[in-house]
Amino acid sequence: MHAVRNTAICLKDCLCLYICPNGATDTESGQIDAKKCTGCGMCANACPAHAITIMPEVFPVQQPKAKKVIEPMYVLTKSWAKGELIADSLAESDDPVKRQFAVALRESFRRQGEDLFREAGYMLPQSKNVREMLMNMVMNEMDPNFPKAAALKLLQILQEQDR
């Protein structure tokens, strides 16, 4: 395990960068050296912004879900994706209130869809579902704009992590 800092919420120059007993934090750049970090959690506990978390080196295999759970989730994700596209088209309205509402609606659909995909096992890179879905997308080429080379590279990286 090692510490990871979220730079988006970090307040910079806080005690958490100076407290590391192993010198894993660079007080100038705020970076955390994963090789030096022992995962003791002192920096995470001292961080006033809660910008530091302790991450495992290897993520556990996702617990299997029954097909009767996954299939309805998949149907719902398709519905959320359609809703996101509709909200996206409404965001081009001339009315600023409609535009603001459409943007909020689109984000809501996106977040709910992501939650469903994660629960169904499609947003965890170590999940077998992700690998099967990517391979299916590469083999079937449903969309000519699909980044096939990037998907193949990701599949290779995921395969190397299994070794």
N, C-alpha and C. Protein backbone atom coordinates (compact mmCIF):
# COMPACT_ATOMS: atom_id res chain seq x y z
N MET A 1 0.84 -1.17 0.00
CA MET A 1 0.00 0.00 0.00
C MET A 1 0.89 1.24 0.00
N HIS A 2 0.36 2.28 -0.61
CA HIS A 2 1.09 3.54 -0.64
C HIS A 2 0.11 4.72 -0.72
N ALA A 3 0.62 5.89 -0.37
CA ALA A 3 -0.21 7.09 -0.36
C ALA A 3 -0.30 7.70 -1.75
N VAL A 4 -1.47 8.27 -2.05
CA VAL A 4 -1.71 8.95 -3.31
C VAL A 4 -2.38 10.29 -2.98
N ARG A 5 -1.92 11.35 -3.64
CA ARG A 5 -2.46 12.69 -3.36
C ARG A 5 -3.34 13.16 -4.51
N ASN A 6 -4.52 13.66 -4.19
CA ASN A 6 -5.44 14.23 -5.17
C ASN A 6 -5.12 15.72 -5.28
N THR A 7 -4.45 16.11 -6.35
CA THR A 7 -4.01 17.50 -6.50
C THR A 7 -5.17 18.47 -6.69
N ALA A 8 -6.33 17.98 -7.09
CA ALA A 8 -7.48 18.85 -7.31
C ALA A 8 -8.03 19.43 -6.01
N ILE A 9 -7.87 18.70 -4.91
CA ILE A 9 -8.40 19.21 -3.64
C ILE A 9 -7.31 19.55 -2.63
N CYS A 10 -6.06 19.35 -3.00
CA CYS A 10 -4.93 19.61 -2.11
C CYS A 10 -4.80 21.11 -1.84
N LEU A 11 -4.54 21.46 -0.57
CA LEU A 11 -4.37 22.86 -0.17
C LEU A 11 -2.91 23.33 -0.30
N LYS A 12 -2.00 22.41 -0.54
CA LYS A 12 -0.56 22.68 -0.71
C LYS A 12 0.09 23.14 0.61
N ASP A 13 1.33 22.80 0.76
CA ASP A 13 2.16 23.24 1.89
C ASP A 13 1.54 23.00 3.26
N CYS A 14 0.90 21.89 3.46
CA CYS A 14 0.33 21.57 4.76
C CYS A 14 1.27 20.61 5.49
N LEU A 15 0.97 20.39 6.74
CA LEU A 15 1.77 19.51 7.58
C LEU A 15 1.90 18.11 6.99
N CYS A 16 0.88 17.68 6.28
CA CYS A 16 0.88 16.32 5.74
C CYS A 16 2.08 16.05 4.83
N LEU A 17 2.60 17.07 4.16
CA LEU A 17 3.75 16.88 3.28
C LEU A 17 5.05 16.79 4.06
N TYR A 18 5.06 17.24 5.31
CA TYR A 18 6.29 17.27 6.11
C TYR A 18 6.35 16.16 7.15
N ILE A 19 5.27 15.45 7.36
CA ILE A 19 5.17 14.50 8.46
C ILE A 19 5.70 13.10 8.14
N CYS A 20 5.91 12.80 6.88
CA CYS A 20 6.30 11.44 6.46
C CYS A 20 7.61 11.01 7.12
N PRO A 21 7.60 9.89 7.86
CA PRO A 21 8.82 9.41 8.52
C PRO A 21 9.84 8.81 7.54
N ASN A 22 9.41 8.54 6.31
CA ASN A 22 10.30 7.91 5.33
C ASN A 22 10.78 8.86 4.25
N GLY A 23 10.36 10.11 4.31
CA GLY A 23 10.76 11.09 3.30
C GLY A 23 10.16 10.80 1.93
N ALA A 24 8.97 10.21 1.91
CA ALA A 24 8.34 9.86 0.63
C ALA A 24 7.67 11.05 -0.04
N THR A 25 7.41 12.11 0.72
CA THR A 25 6.74 13.28 0.14
C THR A 25 7.77 14.34 -0.23
N ASP A 26 7.63 14.87 -1.41
CA ASP A 26 8.48 15.97 -1.87
C ASP A 26 7.78 17.26 -1.48
N THR A 27 8.37 18.00 -0.55
CA THR A 27 7.70 19.21 -0.04
C THR A 27 7.67 20.33 -1.06
N GLU A 28 8.46 20.26 -2.10
CA GLU A 28 8.44 21.28 -3.15
C GLU A 28 7.31 21.02 -4.15
N SER A 29 7.26 19.79 -4.66
CA SER A 29 6.27 19.47 -5.70
C SER A 29 4.99 18.86 -5.13
N GLY A 30 5.06 18.34 -3.90
CA GLY A 30 3.91 17.68 -3.31
C GLY A 30 3.72 16.25 -3.76
N GLN A 31 4.63 15.76 -4.59
CA GLN A 31 4.52 14.39 -5.09
C GLN A 31 4.89 13.39 -4.00
N ILE A 32 4.30 12.22 -4.07
CA ILE A 32 4.58 11.15 -3.11
C ILE A 32 5.27 10.03 -3.86
N ASP A 33 6.45 9.65 -3.39
CA ASP A 33 7.24 8.60 -4.02
C ASP A 33 6.72 7.24 -3.53
N ALA A 34 6.07 6.51 -4.40
CA ALA A 34 5.47 5.22 -4.03
C ALA A 34 6.52 4.20 -3.59
N LYS A 35 7.75 4.35 -4.08
CA LYS A 35 8.81 3.40 -3.70
C LYS A 35 9.26 3.60 -2.25
N LYS A 36 9.22 4.85 -1.77
CA LYS A 36 9.63 5.15 -0.40
C LYS A 36 8.47 4.99 0.59
N CYS A 37 7.26 5.16 0.10
CA CYS A 37 6.08 5.14 0.96
C CYS A 37 5.81 3.73 1.49
N THR A 38 5.60 3.64 2.81
CA THR A 38 5.29 2.35 3.42
C THR A 38 3.79 2.17 3.68
N GLY A 39 3.02 3.21 3.39
CA GLY A 39 1.57 3.13 3.60
C GLY A 39 1.17 3.25 5.06
N CYS A 40 2.00 3.92 5.87
CA CYS A 40 1.70 4.04 7.31
C CYS A 40 0.45 4.89 7.57
N GLY A 41 0.14 5.81 6.66
CA GLY A 41 -1.07 6.61 6.78
C GLY A 41 -0.92 7.90 7.56
N MET A 42 0.30 8.20 8.03
CA MET A 42 0.48 9.44 8.81
C MET A 42 0.12 10.68 8.00
N CYS A 43 0.53 10.71 6.73
CA CYS A 43 0.23 11.87 5.89
C CYS A 43 -1.27 11.99 5.64
N ALA A 44 -1.92 10.86 5.40
CA ALA A 44 -3.38 10.87 5.15
C ALA A 44 -4.13 11.36 6.38
N ASN A 45 -3.70 10.93 7.55
CA ASN A 45 -4.36 11.37 8.79
C ASN A 45 -4.12 12.84 9.08
N ALA A 46 -2.97 13.38 8.65
CA ALA A 46 -2.64 14.78 8.92
C ALA A 46 -3.19 15.74 7.87
N CYS A 47 -3.65 15.24 6.75
CA CYS A 47 -4.08 16.11 5.65
C CYS A 47 -5.41 16.79 5.97
N PRO A 48 -5.41 18.13 6.09
CA PRO A 48 -6.66 18.83 6.42
C PRO A 48 -7.70 18.80 5.30
N ALA A 49 -7.25 18.64 4.06
CA ALA A 49 -8.17 18.63 2.92
C ALA A 49 -8.63 17.22 2.55
N HIS A 50 -8.10 16.21 3.24
CA HIS A 50 -8.38 14.81 2.92
C HIS A 50 -8.02 14.50 1.47
N ALA A 51 -6.91 15.09 1.03
CA ALA A 51 -6.46 14.92 -0.35
C ALA A 51 -5.54 13.72 -0.51
N ILE A 52 -5.15 13.09 0.59
CA ILE A 52 -4.25 11.93 0.53
C ILE A 52 -5.01 10.70 0.99
N THR A 53 -4.92 9.65 0.19
CA THR A 53 -5.53 8.38 0.56
C THR A 53 -4.49 7.28 0.41
N ILE A 54 -4.70 6.19 1.10
CA ILE A 54 -3.80 5.05 1.03
C ILE A 54 -4.41 4.05 0.04
N MET A 55 -3.63 3.70 -0.97
CA MET A 55 -4.12 2.82 -2.04
C MET A 55 -3.39 1.47 -1.99
N PRO A 56 -4.10 0.40 -2.25
CA PRO A 56 -3.43 -0.91 -2.32
C PRO A 56 -2.61 -1.02 -3.60
N GLU A 57 -1.57 -1.82 -3.57
CA GLU A 57 -0.74 -2.04 -4.75
C GLU A 57 -1.50 -2.85 -5.80
N VAL A 58 -2.24 -3.84 -5.33
CA VAL A 58 -3.01 -4.71 -6.22
C VAL A 58 -4.45 -4.69 -5.74
N PHE A 59 -5.35 -4.45 -6.66
CA PHE A 59 -6.76 -4.43 -6.30
C PHE A 59 -7.32 -5.85 -6.28
N PRO A 60 -8.25 -6.13 -5.39
CA PRO A 60 -8.82 -7.48 -5.34
C PRO A 60 -9.68 -7.75 -6.56
N VAL A 61 -9.84 -9.01 -6.85
CA VAL A 61 -10.71 -9.43 -7.95
C VAL A 61 -12.14 -9.09 -7.55
N GLN A 62 -12.90 -8.60 -8.49
CA GLN A 62 -14.28 -8.24 -8.18
C GLN A 62 -15.10 -9.47 -7.87
N GLN A 63 -15.97 -9.33 -6.89
CA GLN A 63 -16.85 -10.42 -6.51
C GLN A 63 -17.87 -10.66 -7.63
N PRO A 64 -18.12 -11.92 -7.96
CA PRO A 64 -19.06 -12.19 -9.05
C PRO A 64 -20.49 -11.81 -8.67
N LYS A 65 -21.24 -11.38 -9.66
CA LYS A 65 -22.65 -11.05 -9.47
C LYS A 65 -23.48 -12.00 -10.35
N ALA A 66 -24.66 -12.28 -9.88
CA ALA A 66 -25.55 -13.17 -10.63
C ALA A 66 -26.02 -12.49 -11.91
N LYS A 67 -26.25 -13.30 -12.92
CA LYS A 67 -26.71 -12.79 -14.21
C LYS A 67 -28.02 -12.01 -14.07
N LYS A 68 -28.88 -12.46 -13.15
CA LYS A 68 -30.16 -11.77 -12.96
C LYS A 68 -29.97 -10.39 -12.34
N VAL A 69 -28.80 -10.09 -11.81
CA VAL A 69 -28.49 -8.76 -11.28
C VAL A 69 -27.84 -7.91 -12.37
N ILE A 70 -26.92 -8.51 -13.11
CA ILE A 70 -26.15 -7.77 -14.12
C ILE A 70 -27.03 -7.35 -15.30
N GLU A 71 -27.88 -8.24 -15.79
CA GLU A 71 -28.69 -7.93 -16.97
C GLU A 71 -29.58 -6.70 -16.80
N PRO A 72 -30.33 -6.57 -15.68
CA PRO A 72 -31.12 -5.34 -15.52
C PRO A 72 -30.24 -4.09 -15.41
N MET A 73 -29.07 -4.23 -14.80
CA MET A 73 -28.15 -3.08 -14.72
C MET A 73 -27.72 -2.64 -16.11
N TYR A 74 -27.46 -3.61 -16.95
CA TYR A 74 -27.03 -3.29 -18.31
C TYR A 74 -28.15 -2.58 -19.08
N VAL A 75 -29.38 -3.04 -18.90
CA VAL A 75 -30.53 -2.40 -19.55
C VAL A 75 -30.66 -0.95 -19.06
N LEU A 76 -30.50 -0.75 -17.76
CA LEU A 76 -30.58 0.60 -17.20
C LEU A 76 -29.47 1.50 -17.72
N THR A 77 -28.27 0.96 -17.88
CA THR A 77 -27.16 1.79 -18.38
C THR A 77 -27.44 2.27 -19.80
N LYS A 78 -28.06 1.42 -20.61
CA LYS A 78 -28.42 1.86 -21.97
C LYS A 78 -29.42 3.01 -21.90
N SER A 79 -30.37 2.89 -20.99
CA SER A 79 -31.37 3.94 -20.81
C SER A 79 -30.72 5.23 -20.35
N TRP A 80 -29.78 5.15 -19.41
CA TRP A 80 -29.09 6.35 -18.92
C TRP A 80 -28.25 6.96 -20.03
N ALA A 81 -27.63 6.13 -20.84
CA ALA A 81 -26.81 6.66 -21.95
C ALA A 81 -27.68 7.43 -22.94
N LYS A 82 -28.87 6.90 -23.23
CA LYS A 82 -29.80 7.62 -24.13
C LYS A 82 -30.23 8.94 -23.51
N GLY A 83 -30.51 8.91 -22.22
CA GLY A 83 -30.90 10.13 -21.51
C GLY A 83 -29.81 11.17 -21.55
N GLU A 84 -28.57 10.72 -21.41
CA GLU A 84 -27.43 11.65 -21.47
C GLU A 84 -27.33 12.30 -22.85
N LEU A 85 -27.55 11.51 -23.90
CA LEU A 85 -27.50 12.07 -25.26
C LEU A 85 -28.62 13.09 -25.48
N ILE A 86 -29.81 12.79 -24.98
CA ILE A 86 -30.93 13.72 -25.12
C ILE A 86 -30.64 15.02 -24.36
N ALA A 87 -30.15 14.89 -23.13
CA ALA A 87 -29.82 16.08 -22.33
C ALA A 87 -28.72 16.88 -23.00
N ASP A 88 -27.78 16.18 -23.63
CA ASP A 88 -26.69 16.85 -24.33
C ASP A 88 -27.23 17.70 -25.48
N SER A 89 -28.21 17.17 -26.21
CA SER A 89 -28.78 17.94 -27.32
C SER A 89 -29.59 19.14 -26.80
N LEU A 90 -30.23 18.99 -25.64
CA LEU A 90 -30.98 20.10 -25.05
C LEU A 90 -30.05 21.20 -24.54
N ALA A 91 -28.81 20.85 -24.24
CA ALA A 91 -27.84 21.83 -23.72
C ALA A 91 -27.47 22.87 -24.76
N GLU A 92 -27.87 22.66 -26.01
CA GLU A 92 -27.57 23.63 -27.07
C GLU A 92 -28.68 24.68 -27.20
N SER A 93 -29.61 24.70 -26.27
CA SER A 93 -30.73 25.66 -26.30
C SER A 93 -30.23 27.10 -26.15
N ASP A 94 -30.99 28.02 -26.69
CA ASP A 94 -30.68 29.45 -26.55
C ASP A 94 -31.08 29.96 -25.16
N ASP A 95 -32.01 29.29 -24.54
CA ASP A 95 -32.48 29.70 -23.22
C ASP A 95 -31.46 29.27 -22.16
N PRO A 96 -30.87 30.21 -21.40
CA PRO A 96 -29.84 29.86 -20.42
C PRO A 96 -30.35 28.94 -19.30
N VAL A 97 -31.61 29.07 -18.93
CA VAL A 97 -32.18 28.21 -17.89
C VAL A 97 -32.28 26.77 -18.39
N LYS A 98 -32.78 26.61 -19.62
CA LYS A 98 -32.87 25.26 -20.21
C LYS A 98 -31.47 24.66 -20.37
N ARG A 99 -30.52 25.49 -20.79
CA ARG A 99 -29.15 25.03 -20.98
C ARG A 99 -28.56 24.54 -19.65
N GLN A 100 -28.74 25.33 -18.60
CA GLN A 100 -28.22 24.97 -17.28
C GLN A 100 -28.87 23.68 -16.78
N PHE A 101 -30.18 23.58 -16.96
CA PHE A 101 -30.90 22.37 -16.54
C PHE A 101 -30.41 21.15 -17.32
N ALA A 102 -30.22 21.31 -18.63
CA ALA A 102 -29.78 20.20 -19.47
C ALA A 102 -28.39 19.72 -19.07
N VAL A 103 -27.51 20.65 -18.75
CA VAL A 103 -26.15 20.27 -18.33
C VAL A 103 -26.21 19.48 -17.02
N ALA A 104 -27.02 19.96 -16.07
CA ALA A 104 -27.18 19.25 -14.79
C ALA A 104 -27.79 17.87 -15.01
N LEU A 105 -28.78 17.79 -15.88
CA LEU A 105 -29.43 16.51 -16.18
C LEU A 105 -28.44 15.54 -16.82
N ARG A 106 -27.64 16.05 -17.76
CA ARG A 106 -26.64 15.21 -18.43
C ARG A 106 -25.65 14.64 -17.40
N GLU A 107 -25.18 15.49 -16.49
CA GLU A 107 -24.23 15.02 -15.46
C GLU A 107 -24.88 13.99 -14.55
N SER A 108 -26.15 14.19 -14.24
CA SER A 108 -26.87 13.23 -13.41
C SER A 108 -26.96 11.87 -14.10
N PHE A 109 -27.34 11.88 -15.38
CA PHE A 109 -27.39 10.63 -16.14
C PHE A 109 -26.01 9.96 -16.18
N ARG A 110 -24.97 10.76 -16.39
CA ARG A 110 -23.61 10.22 -16.48
C ARG A 110 -23.22 9.55 -15.17
N ARG A 111 -23.44 10.22 -14.04
CA ARG A 111 -23.05 9.67 -12.74
C ARG A 111 -23.82 8.39 -12.42
N GLN A 112 -25.11 8.40 -12.71
CA GLN A 112 -25.91 7.21 -12.43
C GLN A 112 -25.48 6.05 -13.33
N GLY A 113 -25.19 6.35 -14.58
CA GLY A 113 -24.70 5.32 -15.50
C GLY A 113 -23.37 4.74 -15.04
N GLU A 114 -22.47 5.62 -14.59
CA GLU A 114 -21.17 5.16 -14.09
C GLU A 114 -21.35 4.26 -12.88
N ASP A 115 -22.24 4.63 -11.97
CA ASP A 115 -22.50 3.80 -10.79
C ASP A 115 -23.00 2.42 -11.20
N LEU A 116 -23.92 2.39 -12.16
CA LEU A 116 -24.45 1.10 -12.61
C LEU A 116 -23.37 0.26 -13.28
N PHE A 117 -22.56 0.90 -14.13
CA PHE A 117 -21.47 0.15 -14.79
C PHE A 117 -20.49 -0.39 -13.75
N ARG A 118 -20.18 0.42 -12.75
CA ARG A 118 -19.25 -0.02 -11.71
C ARG A 118 -19.83 -1.21 -10.96
N GLU A 119 -21.10 -1.12 -10.60
CA GLU A 119 -21.74 -2.22 -9.88
C GLU A 119 -21.82 -3.48 -10.72
N ALA A 120 -21.99 -3.32 -12.02
CA ALA A 120 -22.06 -4.49 -12.91
C ALA A 120 -20.66 -5.01 -13.24
N GLY A 121 -19.62 -4.30 -12.78
CA GLY A 121 -18.25 -4.77 -12.99
C GLY A 121 -17.60 -4.25 -14.24
N TYR A 122 -18.10 -3.16 -14.81
CA TYR A 122 -17.54 -2.66 -16.05
C TYR A 122 -16.66 -1.44 -15.87
N MET A 123 -16.42 -0.99 -14.65
CA MET A 123 -15.55 0.18 -14.48
C MET A 123 -14.35 -0.15 -13.61
N LEU A 124 -14.12 -1.41 -13.36
CA LEU A 124 -12.94 -1.83 -12.63
C LEU A 124 -11.99 -2.47 -13.63
N PRO A 125 -10.84 -1.85 -13.86
CA PRO A 125 -9.96 -2.37 -14.91
C PRO A 125 -9.53 -3.81 -14.69
N GLN A 126 -9.50 -4.26 -13.44
CA GLN A 126 -9.08 -5.63 -13.19
C GLN A 126 -10.21 -6.63 -13.38
N SER A 127 -11.40 -6.14 -13.69
CA SER A 127 -12.54 -7.02 -13.83
C SER A 127 -12.53 -7.77 -15.17
N LYS A 128 -12.95 -9.01 -15.11
CA LYS A 128 -13.05 -9.84 -16.31
C LYS A 128 -14.07 -9.24 -17.28
N ASN A 129 -15.12 -8.62 -16.73
CA ASN A 129 -16.16 -8.00 -17.57
C ASN A 129 -15.58 -6.92 -18.47
N VAL A 130 -14.67 -6.11 -17.93
CA VAL A 130 -14.06 -5.03 -18.72
C VAL A 130 -13.27 -5.62 -19.87
N ARG A 131 -12.50 -6.64 -19.58
CA ARG A 131 -11.68 -7.26 -20.63
C ARG A 131 -12.55 -7.84 -21.73
N GLU A 132 -13.60 -8.54 -21.33
CA GLU A 132 -14.50 -9.14 -22.33
C GLU A 132 -15.20 -8.06 -23.15
N MET A 133 -15.63 -6.98 -22.49
CA MET A 133 -16.31 -5.91 -23.20
C MET A 133 -15.36 -5.23 -24.19
N LEU A 134 -14.13 -4.95 -23.75
CA LEU A 134 -13.15 -4.32 -24.65
C LEU A 134 -12.84 -5.22 -25.84
N MET A 135 -12.64 -6.50 -25.59
CA MET A 135 -12.33 -7.44 -26.67
C MET A 135 -13.50 -7.50 -27.65
N ASN A 136 -14.71 -7.51 -27.14
CA ASN A 136 -15.90 -7.52 -27.99
C ASN A 136 -15.97 -6.25 -28.84
N MET A 137 -15.65 -5.11 -28.24
CA MET A 137 -15.68 -3.84 -28.98
C MET A 137 -14.60 -3.81 -30.06
N VAL A 138 -13.43 -4.37 -29.76
CA VAL A 138 -12.34 -4.40 -30.74
C VAL A 138 -12.71 -5.32 -31.91
N MET A 139 -13.27 -6.47 -31.59
CA MET A 139 -13.57 -7.46 -32.63
C MET A 139 -14.75 -7.05 -33.51
N ASN A 140 -15.75 -6.39 -32.93
CA ASN A 140 -16.97 -6.08 -33.68
C ASN A 140 -16.98 -4.72 -34.36
N GLU A 141 -16.15 -3.82 -33.93
CA GLU A 141 -16.04 -2.47 -34.52
C GLU A 141 -17.40 -1.88 -34.87
N MET A 142 -18.21 -1.67 -33.84
CA MET A 142 -19.56 -1.11 -34.04
C MET A 142 -19.51 0.35 -34.47
N ASP A 143 -18.50 1.07 -34.02
CA ASP A 143 -18.38 2.50 -34.32
C ASP A 143 -17.06 2.74 -35.03
N PRO A 144 -17.07 3.39 -36.20
CA PRO A 144 -15.82 3.63 -36.92
C PRO A 144 -14.87 4.56 -36.16
N ASN A 145 -15.38 5.33 -35.20
CA ASN A 145 -14.53 6.23 -34.41
C ASN A 145 -13.97 5.57 -33.16
N PHE A 146 -14.28 4.29 -32.95
CA PHE A 146 -13.79 3.59 -31.77
C PHE A 146 -12.26 3.52 -31.80
N PRO A 147 -11.60 3.91 -30.70
CA PRO A 147 -10.13 3.91 -30.66
C PRO A 147 -9.56 2.50 -30.46
N LYS A 148 -9.55 1.74 -31.53
CA LYS A 148 -9.16 0.33 -31.47
C LYS A 148 -7.74 0.15 -30.94
N ALA A 149 -6.79 0.98 -31.41
CA ALA A 149 -5.40 0.85 -30.97
C ALA A 149 -5.28 1.08 -29.46
N ALA A 150 -6.00 2.06 -28.95
CA ALA A 150 -5.95 2.35 -27.51
C ALA A 150 -6.55 1.20 -26.71
N ALA A 151 -7.63 0.61 -27.21
CA ALA A 151 -8.27 -0.51 -26.52
C ALA A 151 -7.34 -1.72 -26.51
N LEU A 152 -6.66 -1.98 -27.61
CA LEU A 152 -5.71 -3.09 -27.66
C LEU A 152 -4.55 -2.87 -26.70
N LYS A 153 -4.08 -1.63 -26.62
CA LYS A 153 -2.98 -1.32 -25.69
C LYS A 153 -3.44 -1.53 -24.25
N LEU A 154 -4.65 -1.09 -23.94
CA LEU A 154 -5.19 -1.28 -22.59
C LEU A 154 -5.34 -2.76 -22.27
N LEU A 155 -5.82 -3.53 -23.21
CA LEU A 155 -5.94 -4.98 -23.00
C LEU A 155 -4.58 -5.61 -22.72
N GLN A 156 -3.56 -5.15 -23.43
CA GLN A 156 -2.20 -5.66 -23.22
C GLN A 156 -1.71 -5.32 -21.81
N ILE A 157 -1.94 -4.08 -21.39
CA ILE A 157 -1.52 -3.66 -20.04
C ILE A 157 -2.24 -4.49 -18.98
N LEU A 158 -3.53 -4.68 -19.15
CA LEU A 158 -4.30 -5.46 -18.18
C LEU A 158 -3.82 -6.90 -18.12
N GLN A 159 -3.44 -7.45 -19.27
CA GLN A 159 -2.94 -8.82 -19.33
C GLN A 159 -1.60 -8.92 -18.61
N GLU A 160 -0.73 -7.92 -18.79
CA GLU A 160 0.57 -7.92 -18.14
C GLU A 160 0.44 -7.82 -16.63
N GLN A 161 -0.57 -7.13 -16.14
CA GLN A 161 -0.78 -7.00 -14.70
C GLN A 161 -1.22 -8.31 -14.08
N ASP A 162 -1.79 -9.20 -14.87
CA ASP A 162 -2.23 -10.50 -14.36
C ASP A 162 -1.06 -11.43 -14.06
N ARG A 163 0.04 -11.17 -14.69
CA ARG A 163 1.18 -12.09 -14.53
C ARG A 163 1.86 -11.95 -13.21
